[in-house]
Amino acid sequence: MKTRLTLLMLTLIAGVALMAASAGATDFRVYSHDIKDGQFQEEQVLSQAFGLGCQGGNLSPHINWEGMPQGTQSFVLTMFDQDANGGKGWTHWVVVNIPYTVNSLPRGAGGSGAVEAVGALQTRNDFGQAGYGGPCPPPGQTHHYVVTLTALSVAKLAVDRNATPKMVAALIEGNKIAAVNFTASYQR
């Protein structure tokens, strides 16, 4: 009888805990209405100034997110071409220390000062500069770009604008609560 009562109590406690977790759960997601039908637009493509043959506007897309996980102190946003560099990938954009009170970055934030205006920081991408570098795959190829938003348990990562993508990635892993992403493509 005592074992059955204990089992019944444990089942009841587990059920209450599950209901409480479900009631507080949110749908953490990241998305962009600027990226149409999963495809980057010409204004978002790397500009001619980079010398890689693309003629875009190098304008970062408007990125939105919602459903912040409990305990989030800041966010990191990255854009990574998983097909570039012989399959090793290429980081196009890294934004760190986005305050937990922010839920979007406006169109063009990667070059307009809007990132810094919200208290965030852009670090180096694989082009070697802090800021947005749009898609520009080799002619005849389609590349897939993973845009990831990571919720962190710390308000700030201890980096400056010269931090490499690998350094930021290591710091993310040590402070990650949850991450969400979407993939968009571009063909040239």
Protein backbone atom coordinates (compact mmCIF):
# COMPACT_ATOMS: atom_id res chain seq x y z
CA MET A 1 0.00 0.00 0.00
CA LYS A 2 2.81 2.38 0.93
CA THR A 3 4.56 1.70 -2.42
CA ARG A 4 1.33 2.34 -4.37
CA LEU A 5 0.75 5.59 -2.49
CA THR A 6 4.31 6.73 -3.16
CA LEU A 7 3.96 5.84 -6.84
CA LEU A 8 0.65 7.70 -7.05
CA MET A 9 2.19 10.79 -5.42
CA LEU A 10 5.18 10.73 -7.78
CA THR A 11 2.86 10.43 -10.79
CA LEU A 12 0.76 13.34 -9.54
CA ILE A 13 3.86 15.51 -8.95
CA ALA A 14 5.23 14.68 -12.41
CA GLY A 15 1.88 15.56 -14.01
CA VAL A 16 1.72 18.92 -12.23
CA ALA A 17 5.33 19.69 -13.23
CA LEU A 18 4.59 18.80 -16.86
CA MET A 19 1.49 21.03 -16.91
CA ALA A 20 3.46 23.92 -15.40
CA ALA A 21 6.25 23.50 -17.95
CA SER A 22 3.74 23.41 -20.81
CA ALA A 23 1.92 26.49 -19.52
CA GLY A 24 5.19 28.47 -19.46
CA ALA A 25 6.52 27.10 -22.75
CA THR A 26 6.88 29.41 -25.71
CA ASP A 27 7.57 28.82 -29.36
CA PHE A 28 11.06 30.22 -29.89
CA ARG A 29 11.50 31.07 -33.58
CA VAL A 30 13.44 33.32 -35.94
CA TYR A 31 12.26 34.44 -39.39
CA SER A 32 12.49 37.13 -42.07
CA HIS A 33 9.78 38.52 -44.32
CA ASP A 34 12.53 40.14 -46.45
CA ILE A 35 13.76 36.75 -47.63
CA LYS A 36 11.02 35.78 -50.08
CA ASP A 37 10.16 32.11 -50.65
CA GLY A 38 13.38 31.06 -48.94
CA GLN A 39 15.50 33.04 -51.42
CA PHE A 40 17.76 36.02 -50.78
CA GLN A 41 16.84 39.08 -52.82
CA GLU A 42 19.32 41.07 -54.96
CA GLU A 43 19.49 43.91 -52.43
CA GLN A 44 20.77 41.39 -49.83
CA VAL A 45 23.49 39.92 -52.09
CA LEU A 46 27.14 40.91 -51.70
CA SER A 47 28.05 44.15 -53.46
CA GLN A 48 30.54 44.67 -56.27
CA ALA A 49 32.90 46.39 -53.82
CA PHE A 50 33.93 42.96 -52.44
CA GLY A 51 35.36 41.97 -55.84
CA LEU A 52 33.77 38.51 -56.02
CA GLY A 53 31.57 39.21 -59.04
CA CYS A 54 28.24 39.87 -57.31
CA GLN A 55 26.30 43.07 -57.93
CA GLY A 56 23.92 43.22 -54.95
CA GLY A 57 23.23 45.92 -52.41
CA ASN A 58 24.82 44.05 -49.45
CA LEU A 59 21.82 45.06 -47.36
CA SER A 60 21.13 42.77 -44.40
CA PRO A 61 17.54 41.49 -44.26
CA HIS A 62 15.07 42.40 -41.53
CA ILE A 63 15.29 39.58 -38.98
CA ASN A 64 12.53 38.94 -36.41
CA TRP A 65 12.25 36.56 -33.48
CA GLU A 66 9.79 35.65 -30.78
CA GLY A 67 9.21 33.22 -27.93
CA MET A 68 12.31 34.01 -25.89
CA PRO A 69 13.27 31.05 -23.67
CA GLN A 70 13.12 31.56 -19.93
CA GLY A 71 16.41 32.81 -18.50
CA THR A 72 17.54 34.55 -21.69
CA GLN A 73 19.92 37.44 -20.99
CA SER A 74 21.02 38.16 -24.59
CA PHE A 75 21.03 36.82 -28.15
CA VAL A 76 23.59 36.09 -30.85
CA LEU A 77 22.64 36.12 -34.53
CA THR A 78 24.78 34.38 -37.16
CA MET A 79 24.51 33.74 -40.89
CA PHE A 80 26.55 30.80 -42.18
CA ASP A 81 26.94 29.44 -45.74
CA GLN A 82 27.16 25.70 -45.19
CA ASP A 83 28.16 24.99 -48.82
CA ALA A 84 31.12 27.37 -49.15
CA ASN A 85 34.82 26.67 -48.81
CA GLY A 86 34.65 23.07 -49.98
CA GLY A 87 31.87 22.24 -47.50
CA LYS A 88 33.71 23.77 -44.52
CA GLY A 89 31.39 26.78 -44.62
CA TRP A 90 31.71 30.55 -44.50
CA THR A 91 30.39 32.95 -41.86
CA HIS A 92 28.68 35.98 -43.40
CA TRP A 93 27.41 37.79 -40.30
CA VAL A 94 27.85 37.69 -36.52
CA VAL A 95 25.91 39.95 -34.14
CA VAL A 96 26.56 39.46 -30.42
CA ASN A 97 25.24 40.94 -27.19
CA ILE A 98 21.77 41.67 -28.53
CA PRO A 99 19.80 42.66 -25.41
CA TYR A 100 17.01 40.27 -24.39
CA THR A 101 14.54 43.18 -24.76
CA VAL A 102 15.17 43.36 -28.54
CA ASN A 103 13.14 41.12 -30.87
CA SER A 104 14.28 42.21 -34.34
CA LEU A 105 17.00 43.83 -36.39
CA PRO A 106 15.78 46.17 -39.14
CA ARG A 107 16.60 45.88 -42.84
CA GLY A 108 20.10 47.21 -43.41
CA ALA A 109 21.12 46.89 -39.73
CA GLY A 110 24.41 45.30 -40.77
CA GLY A 111 25.69 48.55 -42.22
CA SER A 112 23.52 51.35 -40.86
CA GLY A 113 24.55 51.52 -37.22
CA ALA A 114 21.22 50.00 -36.11
CA VAL A 115 22.96 47.02 -34.51
CA GLU A 116 25.05 49.30 -32.33
CA ALA A 117 22.04 51.55 -31.61
CA VAL A 118 20.32 48.69 -29.74
CA GLY A 119 23.47 47.99 -27.71
CA ALA A 120 24.67 44.99 -29.75
CA LEU A 121 27.99 44.43 -31.50
CA GLN A 122 28.99 43.03 -34.89
CA THR A 123 32.13 40.92 -34.87
CA ARG A 124 34.30 39.71 -37.74
CA ASN A 125 32.88 37.53 -40.46
CA ASP A 126 34.94 35.33 -42.77
CA PHE A 127 35.42 38.30 -45.11
CA GLY A 128 37.59 39.68 -42.28
CA GLN A 129 35.37 42.59 -41.30
CA ALA A 130 32.80 43.35 -38.64
CA GLY A 131 29.43 43.59 -40.37
CA TYR A 132 27.14 41.91 -42.87
CA GLY A 133 28.52 40.24 -45.99
CA GLY A 134 25.74 39.03 -48.26
CA PRO A 135 25.50 35.80 -50.28
CA CYS A 136 27.72 35.41 -53.35
CA PRO A 137 28.24 31.79 -54.38
CA PRO A 138 30.39 30.93 -57.41
CA PRO A 139 28.58 31.16 -60.78
CA GLY A 140 26.32 28.15 -61.45
CA GLN A 141 26.06 27.15 -57.78
CA THR A 142 23.24 27.33 -55.24
CA HIS A 143 24.34 27.86 -51.65
CA HIS A 144 22.32 27.50 -48.46
CA TYR A 145 22.65 30.09 -45.72
CA VAL A 146 21.67 29.17 -42.16
CA VAL A 147 20.48 32.13 -40.08
CA THR A 148 20.69 31.15 -36.41
CA LEU A 149 19.50 33.01 -33.34
CA THR A 150 20.90 31.73 -30.05
CA ALA A 151 19.51 32.67 -26.64
CA LEU A 152 22.27 33.03 -24.04
CA SER A 153 22.34 32.86 -20.26
CA VAL A 154 24.72 35.86 -20.04
CA ALA A 155 24.08 39.53 -20.86
CA LYS A 156 27.32 39.95 -22.79
CA LEU A 157 30.01 37.83 -24.36
CA ALA A 158 33.49 39.17 -23.58
CA VAL A 159 34.46 39.97 -27.17
CA ASP A 160 35.20 43.02 -29.28
CA ARG A 161 34.59 43.65 -32.97
CA ASN A 162 37.79 41.75 -33.90
CA ALA A 163 36.59 38.43 -32.46
CA THR A 164 36.65 35.64 -35.02
CA PRO A 165 33.58 33.52 -35.81
CA LYS A 166 35.28 30.52 -34.16
CA MET A 167 35.91 32.45 -30.95
CA VAL A 168 32.29 33.59 -30.80
CA ALA A 169 31.11 30.03 -31.51
CA ALA A 170 33.13 28.70 -28.57
CA LEU A 171 31.65 31.33 -26.24
CA ILE A 172 28.14 30.60 -27.49
CA GLU A 173 28.48 26.91 -26.63
CA GLY A 174 29.38 27.70 -23.04
CA ASN A 175 26.36 29.97 -22.53
CA LYS A 176 23.63 28.63 -24.83
CA ILE A 177 20.07 28.16 -23.59
CA ALA A 178 18.49 27.40 -26.97
CA ALA A 179 18.96 28.09 -30.67
CA VAL A 180 16.58 28.38 -33.62
CA ASN A 181 17.31 28.86 -37.30
CA PHE A 182 16.01 29.01 -40.83
CA THR A 183 17.78 28.36 -44.11
CA ALA A 184 17.60 30.52 -47.23
CA SER A 185 19.36 29.99 -50.53
CA TYR A 186 20.88 32.00 -53.34
CA GLN A 187 21.96 30.89 -56.80
CA ARG A 188 24.19 32.75 -59.19
